[in-house]
Amino acid sequence: MWACFAGCIVLIPVPAALGRFPLAAALLAVTLVEVLAIVLNVGSCPLTRIAARYASDRRANVDIYLPEWRARQNKRLFGALYAGSVMLTAYLWRAHGAA
C-alpha cells in the first residue's frame, strides 16, 4: 500500500506537466483517500493497527519495511510532496485553461 500511494504522490506532477489533468486529478483523488484514512485514524494508517496485532515491535517501520529513520519522517515528507503536487497541478490547470 505504501508503495502505491508513494508512487501516486511522486507521479502527480508528470501528467499535470503534460496537460493530462484528468489523470493528475485521479492520482490526487486516490491519494486523498489515504490522507482521509490517516486523518480519521488520528494520524496513523489503519494497516498499522492491524500489523500491531501480529508484532510486538512498535517501531515506526514495523509495517512498511523501510529504514526506521525514513519511516518516522514519512508523513512529513509525503505530506509536503502531496501539498506541492496539489498546488502545482492547480496552478498548471489554471494556466492551461487561461492559455
C-alpha atoms as a PDB file:
ATOM      1  CA  MET A   1       0.000   0.000   0.000  1.00  0.00           C
ATOM      2  CA  TRP A   2       2.795   2.401   0.901  1.00  0.00           C
ATOM      3  CA  ALA A   3       4.458   1.958  -2.490  1.00  0.00           C
ATOM      4  CA  CYS A   4       1.154   2.558  -4.283  1.00  0.00           C
ATOM      5  CA  PHE A   5       0.445   5.837  -2.506  1.00  0.00           C
ATOM      6  CA  ALA A   6       4.067   6.985  -2.567  1.00  0.00           C
ATOM      7  CA  GLY A   7       4.151   6.284  -6.300  1.00  0.00           C
ATOM      8  CA  CYS A   8       0.928   8.233  -6.853  1.00  0.00           C
ATOM      9  CA  ILE A   9       2.295  11.224  -4.948  1.00  0.00           C
ATOM     10  CA  VAL A  10       5.612  11.195  -6.807  1.00  0.00           C
ATOM     11  CA  LEU A  11       3.926  10.802 -10.205  1.00  0.00           C
ATOM     12  CA  ILE A  12       1.224  13.510  -9.838  1.00  0.00           C
ATOM     13  CA  PRO A  13       3.365  16.308 -11.355  1.00  0.00           C
ATOM     14  CA  VAL A  14       4.098  14.283 -14.516  1.00  0.00           C
ATOM     15  CA  PRO A  15       0.595  14.204 -16.035  1.00  0.00           C
ATOM     16  CA  ALA A  16      -0.009  17.742 -14.749  1.00  0.00           C
ATOM     17  CA  ALA A  17       3.086  18.996 -16.593  1.00  0.00           C
ATOM     18  CA  LEU A  18       1.936  17.153 -19.720  1.00  0.00           C
ATOM     19  CA  GLY A  19      -1.505  18.740 -19.543  1.00  0.00           C
ATOM     20  CA  ARG A  20      -3.230  15.448 -18.705  1.00  0.00           C
ATOM     21  CA  PHE A  21      -5.246  16.943 -15.881  1.00  0.00           C
ATOM     22  CA  PRO A  22      -7.864  14.179 -15.548  1.00  0.00           C
ATOM     23  CA  LEU A  23      -5.056  11.686 -14.822  1.00  0.00           C
ATOM     24  CA  ALA A  24      -3.387  14.092 -12.377  1.00  0.00           C
ATOM     25  CA  ALA A  25      -6.754  14.621 -10.659  1.00  0.00           C
ATOM     26  CA  ALA A  26      -7.289  10.854 -10.439  1.00  0.00           C
ATOM     27  CA  LEU A  27      -3.889  10.405  -8.765  1.00  0.00           C
ATOM     28  CA  LEU A  28      -4.706  13.257  -6.387  1.00  0.00           C
ATOM     29  CA  ALA A  29      -8.070  11.666  -5.552  1.00  0.00           C
ATOM     30  CA  VAL A  30      -6.587   8.207  -4.947  1.00  0.00           C
ATOM     31  CA  THR A  31      -4.055   9.731  -2.586  1.00  0.00           C
ATOM     32  CA  LEU A  32      -6.741  11.833  -0.884  1.00  0.00           C
ATOM     33  CA  VAL A  33      -8.439   8.594   0.187  1.00  0.00           C
ATOM     34  CA  GLU A  34      -5.289   7.636   2.118  1.00  0.00           C
ATOM     35  CA  VAL A  35      -4.963  11.152   3.546  1.00  0.00           C
ATOM     36  CA  LEU A  36      -8.543  10.954   4.833  1.00  0.00           C
ATOM     37  CA  ALA A  37      -7.929   7.477   6.279  1.00  0.00           C
ATOM     38  CA  ILE A  38      -4.899   8.781   8.164  1.00  0.00           C
ATOM     39  CA  VAL A  39      -6.786  11.848   9.424  1.00  0.00           C
ATOM     40  CA  LEU A  40      -9.753   9.737  10.546  1.00  0.00           C
ATOM     41  CA  ASN A  41      -7.377   7.350  12.349  1.00  0.00           C
ATOM     42  CA  VAL A  42      -5.734  10.165  14.305  1.00  0.00           C
ATOM     43  CA  GLY A  43      -2.539  10.340  12.257  1.00  0.00           C
ATOM     44  CA  SER A  44      -1.986   6.632  11.767  1.00  0.00           C
ATOM     45  CA  CYS A  45      -2.547   4.335   8.816  1.00  0.00           C
ATOM     46  CA  PRO A  46      -5.280   1.787   9.578  1.00  0.00           C
ATOM     47  CA  LEU A  47      -2.949  -1.008   8.462  1.00  0.00           C
ATOM     48  CA  THR A  48      -0.507  -0.087  11.246  1.00  0.00           C
ATOM     49  CA  ARG A  49      -3.091  -1.155  13.837  1.00  0.00           C
ATOM     50  CA  ILE A  50      -3.556  -4.464  12.059  1.00  0.00           C
ATOM     51  CA  ALA A  51       0.213  -5.045  11.918  1.00  0.00           C
ATOM     52  CA  ALA A  52       0.466  -4.200  15.621  1.00  0.00           C
ATOM     53  CA  ARG A  53      -1.798  -7.154  16.434  1.00  0.00           C
ATOM     54  CA  TYR A  54       0.728  -9.556  14.940  1.00  0.00           C
ATOM     55  CA  ALA A  55       4.010  -7.997  16.085  1.00  0.00           C
ATOM     56  CA  SER A  56       5.331  -6.969  19.450  1.00  0.00           C
ATOM     57  CA  ASP A  57       7.652  -4.470  17.741  1.00  0.00           C
ATOM     58  CA  ARG A  58       6.261  -0.906  17.909  1.00  0.00           C
ATOM     59  CA  ARG A  59       8.881   0.902  15.861  1.00  0.00           C
ATOM     60  CA  ALA A  60       7.755   3.229  13.066  1.00  0.00           C
ATOM     61  CA  ASN A  61       8.829   0.820  10.322  1.00  0.00           C
ATOM     62  CA  VAL A  62       7.110  -2.346  11.558  1.00  0.00           C
ATOM     63  CA  ASP A  63       4.508  -2.332   8.778  1.00  0.00           C
ATOM     64  CA  ILE A  64       6.278  -0.764   5.790  1.00  0.00           C
ATOM     65  CA  TYR A  65       9.767  -2.311   5.765  1.00  0.00           C
ATOM     66  CA  LEU A  66      11.629   0.965   5.392  1.00  0.00           C
ATOM     67  CA  PRO A  67      14.576   2.088   7.487  1.00  0.00           C
ATOM     68  CA  GLU A  68      13.224   3.402  10.784  1.00  0.00           C
ATOM     69  CA  TRP A  69      14.603   6.936  10.245  1.00  0.00           C
ATOM     70  CA  ARG A  70      12.747   7.045   6.900  1.00  0.00           C
ATOM     71  CA  ALA A  71       9.502   5.666   8.324  1.00  0.00           C
ATOM     72  CA  ARG A  72       9.467   8.280  11.112  1.00  0.00           C
ATOM     73  CA  GLN A  73       9.595  11.091   8.532  1.00  0.00           C
ATOM     74  CA  ASN A  74       7.117   9.514   6.112  1.00  0.00           C
ATOM     75  CA  LYS A  75       4.095  11.731   6.786  1.00  0.00           C
ATOM     76  CA  ARG A  76       6.168  14.899   6.790  1.00  0.00           C
ATOM     77  CA  LEU A  77       7.943  14.143   3.512  1.00  0.00           C
ATOM     78  CA  PHE A  78       4.983  12.804   1.574  1.00  0.00           C
ATOM     79  CA  GLY A  79       2.633  15.387   3.088  1.00  0.00           C
ATOM     80  CA  ALA A  80       4.854  18.151   1.721  1.00  0.00           C
ATOM     81  CA  LEU A  81       5.154  16.416  -1.658  1.00  0.00           C
ATOM     82  CA  TYR A  82       1.374  15.929  -1.832  1.00  0.00           C
ATOM     83  CA  ALA A  83       0.663  19.559  -0.914  1.00  0.00           C
ATOM     84  CA  GLY A  84       3.178  20.724  -3.506  1.00  0.00           C
ATOM     85  CA  SER A  85       1.634  18.445  -6.123  1.00  0.00           C
ATOM     86  CA  VAL A  86      -1.837  19.797  -5.378  1.00  0.00           C
ATOM     87  CA  MET A  87      -0.613  23.383  -5.726  1.00  0.00           C
ATOM     88  CA  LEU A  88       1.399  22.658  -8.879  1.00  0.00           C
ATOM     89  CA  THR A  89      -1.496  20.818 -10.523  1.00  0.00           C
ATOM     90  CA  ALA A  90      -3.933  23.618  -9.651  1.00  0.00           C
ATOM     91  CA  TYR A  91      -1.506  26.238 -10.998  1.00  0.00           C
ATOM     92  CA  LEU A  92      -0.832  24.362 -14.239  1.00  0.00           C
ATOM     93  CA  TRP A  93      -4.507  23.563 -14.742  1.00  0.00           C
ATOM     94  CA  ARG A  94      -5.426  27.217 -14.305  1.00  0.00           C
ATOM     95  CA  ALA A  95      -2.581  28.372 -16.570  1.00  0.00           C
ATOM     96  CA  HIS A  96      -3.540  25.796 -19.187  1.00  0.00           C
ATOM     97  CA  GLY A  97      -7.153  26.946 -19.117  1.00  0.00           C
ATOM     98  CA  ALA A  98      -6.098  30.588 -19.463  1.00  0.00           C
ATOM     99  CA  ALA A  99      -3.893  29.852 -22.496  1.00  0.00           C
END
